Amino acid sequence: MAELSTIARPYAKALFDVYAEASKLADGERVTNALAAAVSHAQIGDLIGHPKVADAELEGLIAAACGDALDGEGKNLLKLLIANDRLAIAPALAAQYAVLKAEAESRIDVTVTAAKPMSDDAKAALSDALAKRLGRQVDMTVDTDESLIGGAVIRAGDMVIDGSVKGRVARIAQTLAA
């Protein structure tokens, strides 16, 4: 079976195009996040694909769980996902939509995992350097992992910069083994 993110990508792109045309990207994010939360709920998740639960009943239940978060386009998306037996992709769809929205807004989420806590000045300098390099506004999250020994690992989208001592030791060991 295809990976959920692969299946979700065309749905996310189509929904993004609908909301981008109406200049309502935040509404699309609200819809996808609400659907993802509803589908991920244990009680609703158990009903998805259950032979005794009619599509209309499932649609009503999920729409009620989403409340005001579903606008007309959101309800159409819900119907489409149910009709195509694709409700399981809702969390992946939300993630794909968030990526598209961030690209449109020239933003990128960056996760920095440092060996030791970073000062505010260091965070600001790193954020500025990454914004300059990536040409986007950087939304940075900083975590601490003492197992890195020193340095940091930076993740921005599919780019990973491993400047940790642990990473350097692993690369040296790999080179020596080859």
C-alpha atoms as a PDB file:
ATOM      1  CA  MET A   1       0.000   0.000   0.000  1.00  0.00           C
ATOM      2  CA  ALA A   2       1.198   3.480  -0.794  1.00  0.00           C
ATOM      3  CA  GLU A   3       2.453   5.603   2.048  1.00  0.00           C
ATOM      4  CA  LEU A   4      -0.222   7.841   3.571  1.00  0.00           C
ATOM      5  CA  SER A   5       1.687  11.030   2.788  1.00  0.00           C
ATOM      6  CA  THR A   6       1.858  10.044  -0.885  1.00  0.00           C
ATOM      7  CA  ILE A   7      -1.880   9.475  -0.996  1.00  0.00           C
ATOM      8  CA  ALA A   8      -2.563  12.688   0.946  1.00  0.00           C
ATOM      9  CA  ARG A   9      -0.433  14.936  -1.267  1.00  0.00           C
ATOM     10  CA  PRO A  10      -2.928  15.444  -4.146  1.00  0.00           C
ATOM     11  CA  TYR A  11      -5.790  16.040  -1.702  1.00  0.00           C
ATOM     12  CA  ALA A  12      -3.701  18.612   0.183  1.00  0.00           C
ATOM     13  CA  LYS A  13      -2.651  20.332  -3.045  1.00  0.00           C
ATOM     14  CA  ALA A  14      -6.240  20.526  -4.335  1.00  0.00           C
ATOM     15  CA  LEU A  15      -7.515  21.868  -1.016  1.00  0.00           C
ATOM     16  CA  PHE A  16      -4.632  24.330  -0.846  1.00  0.00           C
ATOM     17  CA  ASP A  17      -5.510  25.615  -4.324  1.00  0.00           C
ATOM     18  CA  VAL A  18      -9.146  26.131  -3.277  1.00  0.00           C
ATOM     19  CA  TYR A  19      -8.220  28.098  -0.152  1.00  0.00           C
ATOM     20  CA  ALA A  20      -5.373  30.005  -1.843  1.00  0.00           C
ATOM     21  CA  GLU A  21      -7.743  31.224  -4.554  1.00  0.00           C
ATOM     22  CA  ALA A  22     -10.076  32.544  -1.855  1.00  0.00           C
ATOM     23  CA  SER A  23      -7.147  33.927   0.196  1.00  0.00           C
ATOM     24  CA  LYS A  24      -8.202  31.781   3.158  1.00  0.00           C
ATOM     25  CA  LEU A  25      -5.133  29.637   3.846  1.00  0.00           C
ATOM     26  CA  ALA A  26      -5.701  29.752   7.615  1.00  0.00           C
ATOM     27  CA  ASP A  27      -9.228  28.391   7.136  1.00  0.00           C
ATOM     28  CA  GLY A  28      -7.805  25.430   5.233  1.00  0.00           C
ATOM     29  CA  GLU A  29      -5.368  24.752   8.026  1.00  0.00           C
ATOM     30  CA  ARG A  30      -8.190  24.881  10.570  1.00  0.00           C
ATOM     31  CA  VAL A  31     -10.211  22.386   8.489  1.00  0.00           C
ATOM     32  CA  THR A  32      -7.357  19.926   8.003  1.00  0.00           C
ATOM     33  CA  ASN A  33      -6.309  20.079  11.654  1.00  0.00           C
ATOM     34  CA  ALA A  34      -9.893  19.509  12.825  1.00  0.00           C
ATOM     35  CA  LEU A  35     -10.340  16.518  10.511  1.00  0.00           C
ATOM     36  CA  ALA A  36      -6.998  15.075  11.599  1.00  0.00           C
ATOM     37  CA  ALA A  37      -7.919  15.445  15.277  1.00  0.00           C
ATOM     38  CA  ALA A  38     -11.354  13.896  14.763  1.00  0.00           C
ATOM     39  CA  VAL A  39     -10.048  10.931  12.777  1.00  0.00           C
ATOM     40  CA  SER A  40      -7.236  10.386  15.292  1.00  0.00           C
ATOM     41  CA  HIS A  41      -9.698  10.216  18.174  1.00  0.00           C
ATOM     42  CA  ALA A  42      -9.857   6.604  19.402  1.00  0.00           C
ATOM     43  CA  GLN A  43     -13.645   6.288  19.402  1.00  0.00           C
ATOM     44  CA  ILE A  44     -14.061   7.722  15.918  1.00  0.00           C
ATOM     45  CA  GLY A  45     -11.071   5.800  14.599  1.00  0.00           C
ATOM     46  CA  ASP A  46     -12.713   2.538  15.645  1.00  0.00           C
ATOM     47  CA  LEU A  47     -15.785   3.397  13.553  1.00  0.00           C
ATOM     48  CA  ILE A  48     -13.880   4.115  10.343  1.00  0.00           C
ATOM     49  CA  GLY A  49     -14.311   1.169   8.020  1.00  0.00           C
ATOM     50  CA  HIS A  50     -16.733  -0.575  10.375  1.00  0.00           C
ATOM     51  CA  PRO A  51     -19.286  -2.419   8.231  1.00  0.00           C
ATOM     52  CA  LYS A  52     -22.242  -1.480  10.452  1.00  0.00           C
ATOM     53  CA  VAL A  53     -21.557   2.271  10.305  1.00  0.00           C
ATOM     54  CA  ALA A  54     -23.090   3.994   7.280  1.00  0.00           C
ATOM     55  CA  ASP A  55     -21.115   6.680   5.475  1.00  0.00           C
ATOM     56  CA  ALA A  56     -23.737   9.308   6.286  1.00  0.00           C
ATOM     57  CA  GLU A  57     -23.605   8.392   9.959  1.00  0.00           C
ATOM     58  CA  LEU A  58     -19.807   8.581   9.988  1.00  0.00           C
ATOM     59  CA  GLU A  59     -19.910  11.910   8.172  1.00  0.00           C
ATOM     60  CA  GLY A  60     -22.355  13.334  10.718  1.00  0.00           C
ATOM     61  CA  LEU A  61     -20.267  12.097  13.621  1.00  0.00           C
ATOM     62  CA  ILE A  62     -17.024  13.568  12.286  1.00  0.00           C
ATOM     63  CA  ALA A  63     -18.713  16.830  11.283  1.00  0.00           C
ATOM     64  CA  ALA A  64     -20.117  17.123  14.811  1.00  0.00           C
ATOM     65  CA  ALA A  65     -16.687  16.413  16.295  1.00  0.00           C
ATOM     66  CA  CYS A  66     -15.145  19.138  14.117  1.00  0.00           C
ATOM     67  CA  GLY A  67     -17.855  21.637  15.003  1.00  0.00           C
ATOM     68  CA  ASP A  68     -17.472  25.104  13.491  1.00  0.00           C
ATOM     69  CA  ALA A  69     -14.040  24.259  12.076  1.00  0.00           C
ATOM     70  CA  LEU A  70     -15.642  22.747   8.968  1.00  0.00           C
ATOM     71  CA  ASP A  71     -16.820  25.258   6.417  1.00  0.00           C
ATOM     72  CA  GLY A  72     -18.396  24.322   3.071  1.00  0.00           C
ATOM     73  CA  GLU A  73     -15.095  23.233   1.531  1.00  0.00           C
ATOM     74  CA  GLY A  74     -14.277  21.243   4.662  1.00  0.00           C
ATOM     75  CA  LYS A  75     -17.575  19.398   4.504  1.00  0.00           C
ATOM     76  CA  ASN A  76     -16.959  18.640   0.827  1.00  0.00           C
ATOM     77  CA  LEU A  77     -13.509  17.321   1.703  1.00  0.00           C
ATOM     78  CA  LEU A  78     -15.004  15.123   4.422  1.00  0.00           C
ATOM     79  CA  LYS A  79     -17.545  13.685   1.961  1.00  0.00           C
ATOM     80  CA  LEU A  80     -14.797  13.057  -0.591  1.00  0.00           C
ATOM     81  CA  LEU A  81     -12.545  11.308   1.922  1.00  0.00           C
ATOM     82  CA  ILE A  82     -15.413   9.093   3.079  1.00  0.00           C
ATOM     83  CA  ALA A  83     -16.515   8.283  -0.487  1.00  0.00           C
ATOM     84  CA  ASN A  84     -12.959   7.283  -1.443  1.00  0.00           C
ATOM     85  CA  ASP A  85     -12.256   5.394   1.812  1.00  0.00           C
ATOM     86  CA  ARG A  86      -9.456   7.837   2.607  1.00  0.00           C
ATOM     87  CA  LEU A  87     -10.306   9.076   6.093  1.00  0.00           C
ATOM     88  CA  ALA A  88      -7.123   7.506   7.424  1.00  0.00           C
ATOM     89  CA  ILE A  89      -5.034  10.044   5.499  1.00  0.00           C
ATOM     90  CA  ALA A  90      -6.472  13.032   7.411  1.00  0.00           C
ATOM     91  CA  PRO A  91      -3.402  13.487   9.675  1.00  0.00           C
ATOM     92  CA  ALA A  92      -1.028  13.196   6.698  1.00  0.00           C
ATOM     93  CA  LEU A  93      -3.237  15.578   4.723  1.00  0.00           C
ATOM     94  CA  ALA A  94      -3.015  18.137   7.540  1.00  0.00           C
ATOM     95  CA  ALA A  95       0.779  17.815   7.575  1.00  0.00           C
ATOM     96  CA  GLN A  96       1.003  18.186   3.777  1.00  0.00           C
ATOM     97  CA  TYR A  97      -1.305  21.221   3.847  1.00  0.00           C
ATOM     98  CA  ALA A  98       0.813  22.840   6.571  1.00  0.00           C
ATOM     99  CA  VAL A  99       3.924  22.423   4.399  1.00  0.00           C
ATOM    100  CA  LEU A 100       2.187  24.012   1.408  1.00  0.00           C
ATOM    101  CA  LYS A 101       0.927  26.884   3.559  1.00  0.00           C
ATOM    102  CA  ALA A 102       4.379  27.480   5.039  1.00  0.00           C
ATOM    103  CA  GLU A 103       5.927  27.556   1.555  1.00  0.00           C
ATOM    104  CA  ALA A 104       3.311  30.034   0.354  1.00  0.00           C
ATOM    105  CA  GLU A 105       4.004  32.261   3.352  1.00  0.00           C
ATOM    106  CA  SER A 106       7.799  31.912   2.935  1.00  0.00           C
ATOM    107  CA  ARG A 107       8.075  30.289   6.354  1.00  0.00           C
ATOM    108  CA  ILE A 108       9.903  27.176   7.423  1.00  0.00           C
ATOM    109  CA  ASP A 109       9.824  25.238  10.677  1.00  0.00           C
ATOM    110  CA  VAL A 110      13.293  24.475  11.978  1.00  0.00           C
ATOM    111  CA  THR A 111      14.119  22.140  14.840  1.00  0.00           C
ATOM    112  CA  VAL A 112      17.469  22.581  16.538  1.00  0.00           C
ATOM    113  CA  THR A 113      18.625  19.853  18.893  1.00  0.00           C
ATOM    114  CA  ALA A 114      21.594  21.102  20.891  1.00  0.00           C
ATOM    115  CA  ALA A 115      23.829  19.303  23.363  1.00  0.00           C
ATOM    116  CA  LYS A 116      23.415  22.091  25.899  1.00  0.00           C
ATOM    117  CA  PRO A 117      20.790  24.822  26.397  1.00  0.00           C
ATOM    118  CA  MET A 118      21.286  27.748  23.992  1.00  0.00           C
ATOM    119  CA  SER A 119      21.325  31.373  25.092  1.00  0.00           C
ATOM    120  CA  ASP A 120      18.772  33.760  23.651  1.00  0.00           C
ATOM    121  CA  ASP A 121      21.533  35.557  21.718  1.00  0.00           C
ATOM    122  CA  ALA A 122      22.708  32.279  20.167  1.00  0.00           C
ATOM    123  CA  LYS A 123      19.142  31.366  19.210  1.00  0.00           C
ATOM    124  CA  ALA A 124      18.599  34.752  17.586  1.00  0.00           C
ATOM    125  CA  ALA A 125      21.902  34.581  15.692  1.00  0.00           C
ATOM    126  CA  LEU A 126      21.182  31.058  14.456  1.00  0.00           C
ATOM    127  CA  SER A 127      17.637  31.999  13.442  1.00  0.00           C
ATOM    128  CA  ASP A 128      18.923  35.022  11.492  1.00  0.00           C
ATOM    129  CA  ALA A 129      21.625  32.958   9.767  1.00  0.00           C
ATOM    130  CA  LEU A 130      19.135  30.252   8.792  1.00  0.00           C
ATOM    131  CA  ALA A 131      16.632  32.832   7.517  1.00  0.00           C
ATOM    132  CA  LYS A 132      19.337  34.355   5.350  1.00  0.00           C
ATOM    133  CA  ARG A 133      20.509  30.973   4.028  1.00  0.00           C
ATOM    134  CA  LEU A 134      17.022  29.569   3.396  1.00  0.00           C
ATOM    135  CA  GLY A 135      15.458  32.815   2.193  1.00  0.00           C
ATOM    136  CA  ARG A 136      12.451  32.326   4.451  1.00  0.00           C
ATOM    137  CA  GLN A 137      11.125  33.373   7.825  1.00  0.00           C
ATOM    138  CA  VAL A 138      12.300  30.773  10.356  1.00  0.00           C
ATOM    139  CA  ASP A 139      10.039  29.375  13.071  1.00  0.00           C
ATOM    140  CA  MET A 140      12.621  27.730  15.314  1.00  0.00           C
ATOM    141  CA  THR A 141      12.131  25.165  18.054  1.00  0.00           C
ATOM    142  CA  VAL A 142      15.119  24.323  20.252  1.00  0.00           C
ATOM    143  CA  ASP A 143      15.480  21.036  22.125  1.00  0.00           C
ATOM    144  CA  THR A 144      18.305  19.716  24.279  1.00  0.00           C
ATOM    145  CA  ASP A 145      19.870  16.255  23.970  1.00  0.00           C
ATOM    146  CA  GLU A 146      22.976  15.718  26.081  1.00  0.00           C
ATOM    147  CA  SER A 147      23.807  12.496  24.182  1.00  0.00           C
ATOM    148  CA  LEU A 148      25.060  14.707  21.317  1.00  0.00           C
ATOM    149  CA  ILE A 149      28.053  15.515  23.566  1.00  0.00           C
ATOM    150  CA  GLY A 150      28.597  18.889  21.865  1.00  0.00           C
ATOM    151  CA  GLY A 151      27.296  20.907  18.920  1.00  0.00           C
ATOM    152  CA  ALA A 152      23.814  20.652  17.430  1.00  0.00           C
ATOM    153  CA  VAL A 153      21.635  19.020  14.792  1.00  0.00           C
ATOM    154  CA  ILE A 154      19.490  21.328  12.664  1.00  0.00           C
ATOM    155  CA  ARG A 155      16.439  20.023  10.778  1.00  0.00           C
ATOM    156  CA  ALA A 156      14.656  22.268   8.276  1.00  0.00           C
ATOM    157  CA  GLY A 157      12.237  20.406   6.035  1.00  0.00           C
ATOM    158  CA  ASP A 158      14.238  17.628   4.384  1.00  0.00           C
ATOM    159  CA  MET A 159      17.575  19.318   5.105  1.00  0.00           C
ATOM    160  CA  VAL A 160      19.597  18.048   8.072  1.00  0.00           C
ATOM    161  CA  ILE A 161      22.822  19.660   9.263  1.00  0.00           C
ATOM    162  CA  ASP A 162      24.556  17.486  11.832  1.00  0.00           C
ATOM    163  CA  GLY A 163      27.210  19.529  13.612  1.00  0.00           C
ATOM    164  CA  SER A 164      27.209  17.373  16.728  1.00  0.00           C
ATOM    165  CA  VAL A 165      30.205  15.596  18.211  1.00  0.00           C
ATOM    166  CA  LYS A 166      28.185  12.379  18.222  1.00  0.00           C
ATOM    167  CA  GLY A 167      27.574  12.786  14.457  1.00  0.00           C
ATOM    168  CA  ARG A 168      31.239  13.498  13.753  1.00  0.00           C
ATOM    169  CA  VAL A 169      32.321  10.414  15.703  1.00  0.00           C
ATOM    170  CA  ALA A 170      29.812   8.294  13.752  1.00  0.00           C
ATOM    171  CA  ARG A 171      31.124   9.638  10.428  1.00  0.00           C
ATOM    172  CA  ILE A 172      34.727   8.968  11.456  1.00  0.00           C
ATOM    173  CA  ALA A 173      33.835   5.427  12.529  1.00  0.00           C
ATOM    174  CA  GLN A 174      32.055   4.855   9.217  1.00  0.00           C
ATOM    175  CA  THR A 175      35.079   6.145   7.271  1.00  0.00           C
ATOM    176  CA  LEU A 176      37.465   3.920   9.231  1.00  0.00           C
ATOM    177  CA  ALA A 177      35.223   0.897   8.704  1.00  0.00           C
ATOM    178  CA  ALA A 178      35.161   1.442   4.924  1.00  0.00           C
END
